[in-house]
Amino acid sequence: MSLRLERVRELLKREIGEIIRRELPVNEAGLISVNDLTVAPNLHSATVFIGILGQDAQKKRGMELLEQNRLRIQGLVAKSVILKYTPKLRFILDDSVERGNRVLSILETLEKSENPSSSS
């Protein structure tokens, strides 16, 4: 990936995260974070990988709100990030953080069962 594309990716990631924090209510949509973002080399499209902390209903509602507000979010990005093209955004729920936490929890449980606290 070129340095310019990498800088644009980081800028978009940060800006979209800020817009989501400002625009979407946490109590309704859960705590939404931008985990990662991939942008097409021509900058016409971007895939935004979203993490949502909250209950399942909040996650579902969060994704609905993101989809409903997609064009508005794109418009706000266009105003704050000056590019020849504002990428068309696509939101994907990324549960990699949750899966990672689950794996760590399982490993911790296994470790405790293999090495019970030796009390002398």
N, C-alpha and C. Protein backbone atom coordinates (compact mmCIF):
# COMPACT_ATOMS: atom_id res chain seq x y z
N MET A 1 0.85 -1.18 0.00
CA MET A 1 0.00 0.00 0.00
C MET A 1 0.90 1.24 0.00
N SER A 2 0.55 2.21 -0.83
CA SER A 2 1.37 3.42 -0.93
C SER A 2 1.25 4.25 0.35
N LEU A 3 2.22 5.08 0.58
CA LEU A 3 2.23 5.93 1.77
C LEU A 3 1.02 6.86 1.77
N ARG A 4 0.69 7.41 0.62
CA ARG A 4 -0.46 8.32 0.52
C ARG A 4 -1.75 7.59 0.87
N LEU A 5 -1.91 6.40 0.32
CA LEU A 5 -3.11 5.62 0.59
C LEU A 5 -3.20 5.26 2.08
N GLU A 6 -2.06 4.95 2.67
CA GLU A 6 -2.02 4.63 4.10
C GLU A 6 -2.42 5.85 4.94
N ARG A 7 -1.92 7.02 4.56
CA ARG A 7 -2.28 8.25 5.29
C ARG A 7 -3.76 8.57 5.14
N VAL A 8 -4.30 8.41 3.93
CA VAL A 8 -5.73 8.65 3.70
C VAL A 8 -6.55 7.67 4.53
N ARG A 9 -6.13 6.41 4.57
CA ARG A 9 -6.83 5.38 5.34
C ARG A 9 -6.89 5.75 6.82
N GLU A 10 -5.75 6.16 7.38
CA GLU A 10 -5.70 6.54 8.80
C GLU A 10 -6.56 7.77 9.07
N LEU A 11 -6.52 8.74 8.17
CA LEU A 11 -7.30 9.96 8.31
C LEU A 11 -8.79 9.63 8.28
N LEU A 12 -9.21 8.82 7.33
CA LEU A 12 -10.62 8.42 7.23
C LEU A 12 -11.05 7.64 8.46
N LYS A 13 -10.22 6.73 8.91
CA LYS A 13 -10.53 5.91 10.08
C LYS A 13 -10.78 6.81 11.30
N ARG A 14 -9.89 7.75 11.53
CA ARG A 14 -10.02 8.65 12.67
C ARG A 14 -11.26 9.54 12.53
N GLU A 15 -11.46 10.09 11.35
CA GLU A 15 -12.58 11.02 11.14
C GLU A 15 -13.93 10.31 11.24
N ILE A 16 -14.05 9.12 10.66
CA ILE A 16 -15.31 8.37 10.74
C ILE A 16 -15.61 7.99 12.19
N GLY A 17 -14.56 7.61 12.93
CA GLY A 17 -14.75 7.30 14.35
C GLY A 17 -15.29 8.49 15.12
N GLU A 18 -14.73 9.68 14.85
CA GLU A 18 -15.20 10.90 15.51
C GLU A 18 -16.65 11.20 15.15
N ILE A 19 -16.97 11.09 13.87
CA ILE A 19 -18.34 11.38 13.41
C ILE A 19 -19.33 10.43 14.07
N ILE A 20 -19.00 9.15 14.13
CA ILE A 20 -19.89 8.17 14.75
C ILE A 20 -20.08 8.50 16.23
N ARG A 21 -19.00 8.85 16.92
CA ARG A 21 -19.11 9.20 18.35
C ARG A 21 -20.02 10.40 18.55
N ARG A 22 -19.92 11.39 17.66
CA ARG A 22 -20.73 12.61 17.78
C ARG A 22 -22.19 12.37 17.41
N GLU A 23 -22.43 11.56 16.39
CA GLU A 23 -23.75 11.50 15.77
C GLU A 23 -24.67 10.40 16.27
N LEU A 24 -24.11 9.28 16.75
CA LEU A 24 -24.97 8.16 17.13
C LEU A 24 -25.05 8.03 18.65
N PRO A 25 -26.27 7.88 19.20
CA PRO A 25 -26.44 7.80 20.65
C PRO A 25 -25.92 6.48 21.22
N VAL A 26 -25.03 6.55 22.20
CA VAL A 26 -24.42 5.36 22.80
C VAL A 26 -25.48 4.48 23.47
N ASN A 27 -26.45 5.10 24.15
CA ASN A 27 -27.45 4.30 24.87
C ASN A 27 -28.30 3.45 23.93
N GLU A 28 -28.45 3.90 22.70
CA GLU A 28 -29.26 3.16 21.74
C GLU A 28 -28.42 2.21 20.89
N ALA A 29 -27.23 2.68 20.47
CA ALA A 29 -26.42 1.92 19.51
C ALA A 29 -25.25 1.18 20.14
N GLY A 30 -25.03 1.32 21.44
CA GLY A 30 -23.87 0.72 22.06
C GLY A 30 -22.65 1.59 21.78
N LEU A 31 -21.52 1.19 22.31
CA LEU A 31 -20.29 1.95 22.10
C LEU A 31 -19.66 1.46 20.80
N ILE A 32 -19.67 2.32 19.79
CA ILE A 32 -19.21 1.95 18.45
C ILE A 32 -17.79 2.45 18.24
N SER A 33 -16.93 1.56 17.75
CA SER A 33 -15.57 1.98 17.44
C SER A 33 -15.22 1.51 16.03
N VAL A 34 -14.33 2.24 15.40
CA VAL A 34 -13.84 1.86 14.07
C VAL A 34 -12.57 1.04 14.31
N ASN A 35 -12.67 -0.29 14.11
CA ASN A 35 -11.53 -1.17 14.34
C ASN A 35 -10.51 -1.08 13.21
N ASP A 36 -11.00 -0.99 11.99
CA ASP A 36 -10.10 -0.92 10.85
C ASP A 36 -10.86 -0.36 9.66
N LEU A 37 -10.13 -0.04 8.61
CA LEU A 37 -10.74 0.50 7.41
C LEU A 37 -9.86 0.11 6.23
N THR A 38 -10.49 -0.36 5.19
CA THR A 38 -9.75 -0.61 3.95
C THR A 38 -10.33 0.32 2.90
N VAL A 39 -9.46 0.87 2.09
CA VAL A 39 -9.89 1.81 1.07
C VAL A 39 -9.39 1.31 -0.29
N ALA A 40 -10.25 1.44 -1.29
CA ALA A 40 -9.87 1.03 -2.64
C ALA A 40 -8.76 1.96 -3.15
N PRO A 41 -7.84 1.45 -3.97
CA PRO A 41 -6.76 2.29 -4.48
C PRO A 41 -7.24 3.55 -5.21
N ASN A 42 -8.43 3.50 -5.82
CA ASN A 42 -8.96 4.67 -6.52
C ASN A 42 -9.77 5.58 -5.60
N LEU A 43 -9.87 5.21 -4.32
CA LEU A 43 -10.59 5.97 -3.28
C LEU A 43 -12.09 6.09 -3.52
N HIS A 44 -12.65 5.25 -4.38
CA HIS A 44 -14.09 5.32 -4.64
C HIS A 44 -14.91 4.58 -3.58
N SER A 45 -14.29 3.67 -2.85
CA SER A 45 -15.04 2.93 -1.84
C SER A 45 -14.14 2.61 -0.66
N ALA A 46 -14.79 2.44 0.50
CA ALA A 46 -14.06 2.08 1.71
C ALA A 46 -14.94 1.14 2.53
N THR A 47 -14.30 0.13 3.10
CA THR A 47 -15.00 -0.79 3.99
C THR A 47 -14.56 -0.45 5.41
N VAL A 48 -15.54 -0.17 6.26
CA VAL A 48 -15.27 0.23 7.63
C VAL A 48 -15.63 -0.94 8.54
N PHE A 49 -14.64 -1.44 9.27
CA PHE A 49 -14.86 -2.56 10.18
C PHE A 49 -15.19 -1.99 11.55
N ILE A 50 -16.41 -2.29 12.00
CA ILE A 50 -16.98 -1.68 13.20
C ILE A 50 -17.01 -2.67 14.35
N GLY A 51 -16.63 -2.20 15.53
CA GLY A 51 -16.79 -2.97 16.75
C GLY A 51 -17.85 -2.30 17.59
N ILE A 52 -18.76 -3.07 18.16
CA ILE A 52 -19.81 -2.49 19.00
C ILE A 52 -19.80 -3.21 20.34
N LEU A 53 -19.56 -2.43 21.39
CA LEU A 53 -19.66 -2.96 22.75
C LEU A 53 -21.06 -2.71 23.25
N GLY A 54 -21.69 -3.75 23.71
CA GLY A 54 -23.06 -3.62 24.21
C GLY A 54 -23.78 -4.94 24.07
N GLN A 55 -25.06 -4.90 24.37
CA GLN A 55 -25.87 -6.11 24.27
C GLN A 55 -26.19 -6.39 22.81
N ASP A 56 -26.67 -7.60 22.53
CA ASP A 56 -26.97 -7.99 21.15
C ASP A 56 -27.95 -7.02 20.49
N ALA A 57 -28.96 -6.57 21.25
CA ALA A 57 -29.95 -5.64 20.70
C ALA A 57 -29.28 -4.33 20.30
N GLN A 58 -28.32 -3.87 21.13
CA GLN A 58 -27.61 -2.63 20.82
C GLN A 58 -26.74 -2.80 19.58
N LYS A 59 -26.12 -3.98 19.44
CA LYS A 59 -25.28 -4.23 18.26
C LYS A 59 -26.13 -4.19 16.99
N LYS A 60 -27.27 -4.85 17.06
CA LYS A 60 -28.17 -4.89 15.91
C LYS A 60 -28.64 -3.47 15.57
N ARG A 61 -29.03 -2.73 16.61
CA ARG A 61 -29.51 -1.36 16.42
C ARG A 61 -28.37 -0.46 15.91
N GLY A 62 -27.17 -0.68 16.43
CA GLY A 62 -26.02 0.10 16.00
C GLY A 62 -25.75 -0.05 14.52
N MET A 63 -25.80 -1.29 14.04
CA MET A 63 -25.59 -1.53 12.61
C MET A 63 -26.71 -0.92 11.77
N GLU A 64 -27.95 -0.99 12.29
CA GLU A 64 -29.08 -0.37 11.58
C GLU A 64 -28.88 1.14 11.47
N LEU A 65 -28.48 1.76 12.58
CA LEU A 65 -28.26 3.21 12.59
C LEU A 65 -27.13 3.60 11.65
N LEU A 66 -26.07 2.81 11.63
CA LEU A 66 -24.96 3.11 10.71
C LEU A 66 -25.43 3.06 9.26
N GLU A 67 -26.22 2.05 8.95
CA GLU A 67 -26.71 1.90 7.57
C GLU A 67 -27.67 3.04 7.23
N GLN A 68 -28.56 3.39 8.17
CA GLN A 68 -29.51 4.48 7.93
C GLN A 68 -28.81 5.82 7.75
N ASN A 69 -27.70 6.01 8.46
CA ASN A 69 -26.99 7.29 8.44
C ASN A 69 -25.76 7.28 7.53
N ARG A 70 -25.63 6.24 6.72
CA ARG A 70 -24.44 6.08 5.89
C ARG A 70 -24.18 7.30 5.00
N LEU A 71 -25.20 7.76 4.29
CA LEU A 71 -25.02 8.90 3.38
C LEU A 71 -24.69 10.17 4.16
N ARG A 72 -25.32 10.34 5.31
CA ARG A 72 -25.04 11.51 6.15
C ARG A 72 -23.59 11.47 6.65
N ILE A 73 -23.15 10.29 7.09
CA ILE A 73 -21.76 10.13 7.55
C ILE A 73 -20.80 10.42 6.40
N GLN A 74 -21.11 9.91 5.20
CA GLN A 74 -20.28 10.18 4.02
C GLN A 74 -20.19 11.68 3.76
N GLY A 75 -21.33 12.37 3.90
CA GLY A 75 -21.37 13.82 3.68
C GLY A 75 -20.50 14.56 4.68
N LEU A 76 -20.57 14.14 5.95
CA LEU A 76 -19.75 14.78 6.99
C LEU A 76 -18.27 14.50 6.76
N VAL A 77 -17.96 13.30 6.28
CA VAL A 77 -16.56 12.97 5.95
C VAL A 77 -16.09 13.87 4.81
N ALA A 78 -16.94 14.06 3.81
CA ALA A 78 -16.59 14.89 2.65
C ALA A 78 -16.28 16.32 3.08
N LYS A 79 -17.01 16.83 4.08
CA LYS A 79 -16.78 18.20 4.54
C LYS A 79 -15.48 18.33 5.33
N SER A 80 -15.12 17.28 6.07
CA SER A 80 -13.96 17.40 6.95
C SER A 80 -12.66 16.87 6.33
N VAL A 81 -12.76 15.96 5.36
CA VAL A 81 -11.57 15.41 4.70
C VAL A 81 -11.65 15.79 3.23
N ILE A 82 -10.74 16.63 2.81
CA ILE A 82 -10.77 17.13 1.43
C ILE A 82 -10.04 16.14 0.52
N LEU A 83 -10.83 15.41 -0.27
CA LEU A 83 -10.31 14.46 -1.24
C LEU A 83 -11.01 14.70 -2.56
N LYS A 84 -10.40 14.26 -3.64
CA LYS A 84 -11.04 14.38 -4.95
C LYS A 84 -12.35 13.59 -4.95
N TYR A 85 -12.30 12.38 -4.38
CA TYR A 85 -13.49 11.54 -4.25
C TYR A 85 -13.69 11.22 -2.78
N THR A 86 -14.94 11.29 -2.35
CA THR A 86 -15.25 10.79 -1.00
C THR A 86 -15.68 9.34 -1.19
N PRO A 87 -15.01 8.41 -0.53
CA PRO A 87 -15.36 7.01 -0.75
C PRO A 87 -16.77 6.66 -0.30
N LYS A 88 -17.39 5.75 -1.04
CA LYS A 88 -18.68 5.20 -0.64
C LYS A 88 -18.39 4.24 0.51
N LEU A 89 -19.03 4.46 1.65
CA LEU A 89 -18.74 3.68 2.84
C LEU A 89 -19.59 2.42 2.91
N ARG A 90 -18.98 1.36 3.40
CA ARG A 90 -19.67 0.10 3.65
C ARG A 90 -19.27 -0.34 5.05
N PHE A 91 -20.27 -0.57 5.91
CA PHE A 91 -19.99 -0.93 7.30
C PHE A 91 -20.11 -2.44 7.49
N ILE A 92 -19.12 -3.03 8.16
CA ILE A 92 -19.11 -4.46 8.45
C ILE A 92 -18.88 -4.62 9.94
N LEU A 93 -19.70 -5.45 10.59
CA LEU A 93 -19.52 -5.72 12.02
C LEU A 93 -18.30 -6.61 12.19
N ASP A 94 -17.35 -6.14 12.96
CA ASP A 94 -16.10 -6.85 13.20
C ASP A 94 -16.09 -7.31 14.65
N ASP A 95 -16.22 -8.62 14.84
CA ASP A 95 -16.26 -9.13 16.22
C ASP A 95 -14.92 -9.74 16.63
N SER A 96 -13.83 -9.33 15.96
CA SER A 96 -12.53 -9.92 16.25
C SER A 96 -12.06 -9.63 17.68
N VAL A 97 -12.40 -8.46 18.22
CA VAL A 97 -12.01 -8.13 19.59
C VAL A 97 -12.72 -9.07 20.57
N GLU A 98 -14.02 -9.27 20.34
CA GLU A 98 -14.79 -10.19 21.20
C GLU A 98 -14.24 -11.61 21.11
N ARG A 99 -13.96 -12.05 19.88
CA ARG A 99 -13.41 -13.40 19.71
C ARG A 99 -12.07 -13.52 20.40
N GLY A 100 -11.24 -12.49 20.30
CA GLY A 100 -9.95 -12.49 20.96
C GLY A 100 -10.09 -12.58 22.47
N ASN A 101 -11.03 -11.81 23.02
CA ASN A 101 -11.28 -11.87 24.47
C ASN A 101 -11.76 -13.25 24.89
N ARG A 102 -12.61 -13.86 24.07
CA ARG A 102 -13.12 -15.20 24.37
C ARG A 102 -11.97 -16.21 24.38
N VAL A 103 -11.08 -16.12 23.40
CA VAL A 103 -9.92 -17.02 23.33
C VAL A 103 -9.03 -16.83 24.55
N LEU A 104 -8.78 -15.57 24.92
CA LEU A 104 -7.95 -15.30 26.10
C LEU A 104 -8.58 -15.87 27.36
N SER A 105 -9.90 -15.76 27.45
CA SER A 105 -10.62 -16.30 28.61
C SER A 105 -10.48 -17.82 28.66
N ILE A 106 -10.61 -18.47 27.52
CA ILE A 106 -10.49 -19.93 27.46
C ILE A 106 -9.06 -20.34 27.84
N LEU A 107 -8.07 -19.63 27.31
CA LEU A 107 -6.68 -19.94 27.63
C LEU A 107 -6.41 -19.77 29.12
N GLU A 108 -6.98 -18.73 29.70
CA GLU A 108 -6.81 -18.47 31.13
C GLU A 108 -7.42 -19.61 31.95
N THR A 109 -8.61 -20.07 31.55
CA THR A 109 -9.29 -21.17 32.23
C THR A 109 -8.46 -22.45 32.14
N LEU A 110 -7.93 -22.72 30.94
CA LEU A 110 -7.10 -23.91 30.74
C LEU A 110 -5.85 -23.85 31.61
N GLU A 111 -5.24 -22.68 31.64
CA GLU A 111 -4.02 -22.50 32.41
C GLU A 111 -4.29 -22.75 33.90
N LYS A 112 -5.42 -22.25 34.39
CA LYS A 112 -5.77 -22.44 35.81
C LYS A 112 -6.03 -23.91 36.11
N SER A 113 -6.66 -24.62 35.17
CA SER A 113 -6.98 -26.04 35.43
C SER A 113 -5.73 -26.91 35.37
N GLU A 114 -4.74 -26.51 34.53
CA GLU A 114 -3.50 -27.28 34.43
C GLU A 114 -2.55 -27.01 35.59
N ASN A 115 -2.55 -25.79 36.07
CA ASN A 115 -1.65 -25.39 37.15
C ASN A 115 -2.45 -24.89 38.36
N PRO A 116 -3.09 -25.79 39.09
CA PRO A 116 -3.82 -25.31 40.26
C PRO A 116 -2.84 -24.72 41.25
N SER A 117 -3.29 -23.69 41.93
CA SER A 117 -2.43 -23.00 42.89
C SER A 117 -1.87 -23.99 43.89
N SER A 118 -0.55 -24.12 43.89
CA SER A 118 0.07 -25.09 44.82
C SER A 118 0.24 -24.40 46.17
N SER A 119 -0.49 -24.90 47.15
CA SER A 119 -0.40 -24.33 48.49
C SER A 119 0.46 -25.24 49.34
N SER A 120 1.58 -24.70 49.81
CA SER A 120 2.50 -25.51 50.61
C SER A 120 2.39 -25.18 52.06
